Amino acid sequence: MEKKIIGKAYVLGDNIDTDQIIPAEHLVYSTSDPEELKKYGHFALSSVPIEQAGLPFGGKPFIDGDNHKSKFNIIVGGSNFGCGSSREHAPLSLQVAGVKAVVAESYARIFYRNSVDGGFVIPFESSSKLNDKIKTGDDVEVDLESSKITNHSSGETYRLRPLGSVYDIVKSGGLFNYARENNMI
């Protein structure tokens, strides 16, 4: 796993729930069929209210056209990201769409655990509110080792809370792979 994630930010508001991340009507696709799995990426963030999506532009689409990959690989959210139902498909859909990291002020615990346990995306917690400082489309860099996010579009750098052992679990591809690699199971 790379030590830095470089890409474009997609900025969301507060209280983005799992049904906004991947609507329930799209949970019918098989995760083991490669073609059906792409649907999870295609419909990722498709139910985010327009006033919460692609901030500050409002309504900037996360996925263009018929694609299943987004041009945005870093999500910057507000507080309580991933609230709602316990849905492993939420972080999976972001991963399928090409997201590598989510940086949020705070998380719903279940989304955080599902992200880590499945090895889907790296959930960084910011030390301050960033979804009003970073804009959708900004070029950003998340440094996994120093726990910082740099906005190359503005020149600003912000501290993130250290990942601790979470990094090792996500790097291994999830909790079960981590346990196997460390002779725990």
Foldseek 3Di string as FASTA:
>chain_A
DDQKDWAFEKEFEEDAALCQQPNPVLPPFDCVDVVSLLVLLVCGNVNRAQVGTQPPVGNDDQDPDRGSAGRHQEYEYEEAPHDDDLDLSRLSSSQSNRHAEYEYQYYDVSNQQSCQQQLRHHYWHFPDRCSVPGGGGFIWMQRLPQQKIAGPNVRDIGHIPHPPCSVVSSVLRHDVSSCVVVVVD
